[in-house]
Protein backbone atom coordinates (compact mmCIF):
# COMPACT_ATOMS: atom_id res chain seq x y z
CA MET A 1 98.05 87.72 119.37
CA ARG A 2 95.04 85.40 119.27
CA VAL A 3 93.94 81.82 118.70
CA ILE A 4 93.31 81.45 114.96
CA ALA A 5 90.86 78.52 114.76
CA GLY A 6 89.05 75.82 116.69
CA THR A 7 87.25 75.82 120.03
CA ALA A 8 89.16 78.86 121.35
CA ARG A 9 88.98 80.76 118.06
CA SER A 10 89.56 84.53 118.25
CA LEU A 11 90.40 84.51 121.97
CA PRO A 12 93.28 86.88 122.72
CA LEU A 13 96.44 85.44 124.27
CA LYS A 14 98.75 87.18 126.69
CA THR A 15 102.41 87.46 125.74
CA VAL A 16 105.49 88.05 127.83
CA PRO A 17 106.51 91.72 127.83
CA GLY A 18 110.00 92.50 126.53
CA MET A 19 112.27 90.72 124.10
CA ASP A 20 112.87 87.47 126.02
CA THR A 21 110.47 85.62 123.71
CA ARG A 22 109.57 86.09 120.03
CA PRO A 23 105.87 85.36 119.61
CA THR A 24 105.06 83.73 116.29
CA THR A 25 102.93 86.15 114.29
CA ASP A 26 99.30 85.23 113.62
CA ARG A 27 99.99 85.05 109.88
CA THR A 28 102.95 82.68 110.32
CA LYS A 29 100.97 80.60 112.84
CA GLU A 30 98.07 80.31 110.39
CA THR A 31 100.42 79.16 107.60
CA LEU A 32 102.06 76.65 109.95
CA PHE A 33 98.72 75.14 110.98
CA ASN A 34 97.50 74.97 107.39
CA VAL A 35 100.44 72.61 106.82
CA LEU A 36 99.94 70.75 110.12
CA GLN A 37 96.15 70.41 110.03
CA PRO A 38 96.07 66.72 108.95
CA GLU A 39 98.38 65.86 111.91
CA ILE A 40 96.50 67.72 114.65
CA PRO A 41 93.18 65.93 115.40
CA ASP A 42 93.63 63.69 118.47
CA CYS A 43 97.43 64.08 118.42
CA ARG A 44 99.82 64.33 121.35
CA PHE A 45 101.67 67.64 120.95
CA LEU A 46 104.87 68.81 122.65
CA ASP A 47 105.67 72.55 122.65
CA LEU A 48 109.33 73.22 123.53
CA PHE A 49 110.67 76.71 124.37
CA ALA A 50 106.95 77.41 124.60
CA GLY A 51 106.99 81.16 125.33
CA SER A 52 103.35 82.26 125.71
CA GLY A 53 102.13 78.78 124.73
CA ALA A 54 100.45 80.09 121.58
CA ILE A 55 101.51 77.18 119.33
CA GLY A 56 100.47 74.41 121.73
CA ILE A 57 97.24 76.26 122.55
CA GLU A 58 96.47 76.56 118.83
CA ALA A 59 97.03 72.79 118.51
CA LEU A 60 94.68 72.11 121.44
CA SER A 61 92.06 74.50 120.05
CA ARG A 62 92.20 72.66 116.71
CA GLY A 63 91.66 69.23 118.28
CA ALA A 64 94.95 67.93 119.70
CA ALA A 65 94.17 65.45 122.46
CA PHE A 66 96.94 66.61 124.81
CA CYS A 67 99.84 69.07 124.89
CA VAL A 68 102.91 69.32 127.09
CA PHE A 69 104.53 72.75 127.30
CA ILE A 70 108.14 73.19 128.45
CA GLU A 71 109.33 76.69 129.34
CA LYS A 72 112.06 77.78 131.76
CA ASN A 73 111.33 81.55 131.86
CA ARG A 74 109.20 82.17 134.97
CA LYS A 75 107.13 84.98 133.38
CA ALA A 76 106.51 82.93 130.23
CA TYR A 77 105.53 79.90 132.35
CA ALA A 78 102.97 82.03 134.22
CA CYS A 79 101.72 83.39 130.88
CA ILE A 80 101.12 79.85 129.56
CA GLU A 81 99.18 78.96 132.71
CA GLU A 82 97.00 82.09 132.35
CA ASN A 83 96.41 81.49 128.63
CA LEU A 84 95.40 77.86 129.22
CA ALA A 85 92.96 78.88 131.96
CA PHE A 86 91.49 81.67 129.81
CA THR A 87 91.01 79.39 126.77
CA ARG A 88 89.64 76.58 128.99
CA LEU A 89 92.20 74.11 127.62
CA LYS A 90 94.08 73.44 130.88
CA GLU A 91 92.60 69.97 131.48
CA ARG A 92 94.23 68.65 128.27
CA SER A 93 97.68 69.99 129.06
CA ARG A 94 100.72 69.82 131.30
CA VAL A 95 103.05 72.78 131.79
CA MET A 96 106.62 72.13 132.92
CA HIS A 97 108.71 74.96 134.39
CA THR A 98 112.22 73.78 133.54
CA ASP A 99 114.84 73.96 130.84
CA VAL A 100 114.08 71.87 127.75
CA VAL A 101 116.80 69.22 128.17
CA THR A 102 115.79 68.54 131.80
CA GLY A 103 112.12 68.50 130.79
CA LEU A 104 112.78 66.00 128.01
CA GLY A 105 114.49 63.73 130.55
CA GLN A 106 111.37 63.88 132.72
CA LEU A 107 109.19 62.76 129.80
CA GLU A 108 111.07 59.48 129.33
CA GLN A 109 108.14 57.21 130.22
CA GLU A 110 105.56 59.23 128.28
CA GLU A 111 103.56 57.87 125.39
CA ALA A 112 104.96 58.94 121.98
CA PHE A 113 104.22 62.45 120.78
CA ASP A 114 102.83 62.89 117.27
CA CYS A 115 104.20 66.44 116.88
CA ILE A 116 107.11 68.12 118.64
CA PHE A 117 107.33 71.86 117.98
CA MET A 118 110.32 73.92 119.04
CA ASP A 119 111.08 77.60 118.72
CA PRO A 120 114.44 77.96 120.49
CA PRO A 121 116.48 81.17 120.62
CA TYR A 122 117.92 81.55 117.13
CA ASP A 123 121.47 80.69 116.08
CA MET A 124 122.51 78.95 119.31
CA GLU A 125 122.24 75.36 117.94
CA LEU A 126 119.67 74.47 120.61
CA GLU A 127 117.58 72.63 118.00
CA LYS A 128 120.58 70.39 117.31
CA GLU A 129 120.94 69.67 121.04
CA VAL A 130 117.22 68.82 121.35
CA LEU A 131 117.29 66.52 118.31
CA SER A 132 120.35 64.77 119.76
CA VAL A 133 118.60 64.25 123.12
CA CYS A 134 115.42 63.01 121.41
CA ARG A 135 117.12 60.41 119.20
CA ASP A 136 116.61 57.48 121.54
CA LYS A 137 113.73 58.67 123.69
CA SER A 138 110.65 56.49 124.15
CA PHE A 139 108.34 59.45 123.42
CA VAL A 140 109.68 59.75 119.85
CA SER A 141 108.41 57.21 117.32
CA GLU A 142 109.14 56.78 113.62
CA HIS A 143 105.94 58.77 113.01
CA THR A 144 106.81 61.73 115.26
CA LEU A 145 106.99 64.97 113.29
CA PHE A 146 109.42 67.61 114.54
CA ILE A 147 108.69 71.21 113.55
CA ILE A 148 111.50 73.67 114.13
CA GLU A 149 111.13 77.42 113.84
CA ALA A 150 114.59 78.77 113.06
CA SER A 151 116.44 81.64 111.44
CA LEU A 152 117.00 81.42 107.69
CA SER A 153 120.73 80.94 108.34
CA THR A 154 120.34 77.88 110.60
CA ASP A 155 122.42 74.94 109.37
CA PHE A 156 120.66 71.58 109.27
CA SER A 157 123.39 69.68 107.38
CA TYR A 158 123.95 67.38 110.40
CA LEU A 159 120.46 65.81 110.26
CA LYS A 160 121.25 62.67 108.25
CA GLU A 161 124.17 61.66 110.47
CA MET A 162 121.84 62.05 113.48
CA GLY A 163 119.20 59.85 111.85
CA TYR A 164 116.77 62.56 110.72
CA ALA A 165 115.57 63.92 107.39
CA ILE A 166 113.78 67.08 106.31
CA VAL A 167 110.35 66.21 104.93
CA LYS A 168 109.27 69.78 104.21
CA GLN A 169 110.44 73.34 104.68
CA LYS A 170 108.45 76.58 104.64
CA LYS A 171 110.45 79.81 104.37
CA TYR A 172 109.21 83.24 105.42
CA LYS A 173 110.86 86.68 105.17
CA THR A 174 112.89 86.35 108.36
CA ASN A 175 112.64 82.73 109.46
CA THR A 176 111.66 79.21 108.45
CA HIS A 177 109.71 76.17 109.63
CA VAL A 178 111.58 72.93 109.06
CA PHE A 179 109.59 69.66 109.27
CA ILE A 180 111.72 66.68 110.25
CA LYS A 181 111.20 62.96 110.85
CA ARG A 182 113.47 60.09 111.72
CA TYR A 183 115.37 59.00 108.65
CA LYS A 184 114.60 55.55 107.26
CA GLU A 185 117.19 53.68 105.21
CA LYS A 186 115.74 52.42 101.95
CA LYS A 187 116.33 48.71 101.54
């Protein structure tokens, strides 16, 4: 796995050995960032269930101003720290070693994030829990874009009642990226 573009282009990234994390493939990451590119320059990026940190690091490499990574797995946390040091992107980041819900609570006074990416374990409804927690947080604005990597079978029918709407979806062979924003009532 490597950084696709930007200041850290082509640098290899370490991943966590074993099956505890599912690194996003370079091809899927490239497709994702082709969609996200207009959002990235100078943005504040939040990478939840960060694994090796590859998505947040890609955002930083492509010009994100700052990225917060949240990861509870100790080996993955260490991997993120190593990858940030190796890519020389550490000074524009913060890495939190905690579970996502606790980490989100600790971000309460943070400035709004422009993009919130999450790649939770599939089919456990963790994305639903995160969206529920984020509904009334100060770091989520009407412009915040959520990007969820999920299995193709993940149900998102609850979004409207939670105050969210899908703005775009990109399906791959085995998974999908769902782009979500707060839902605005048309007057």
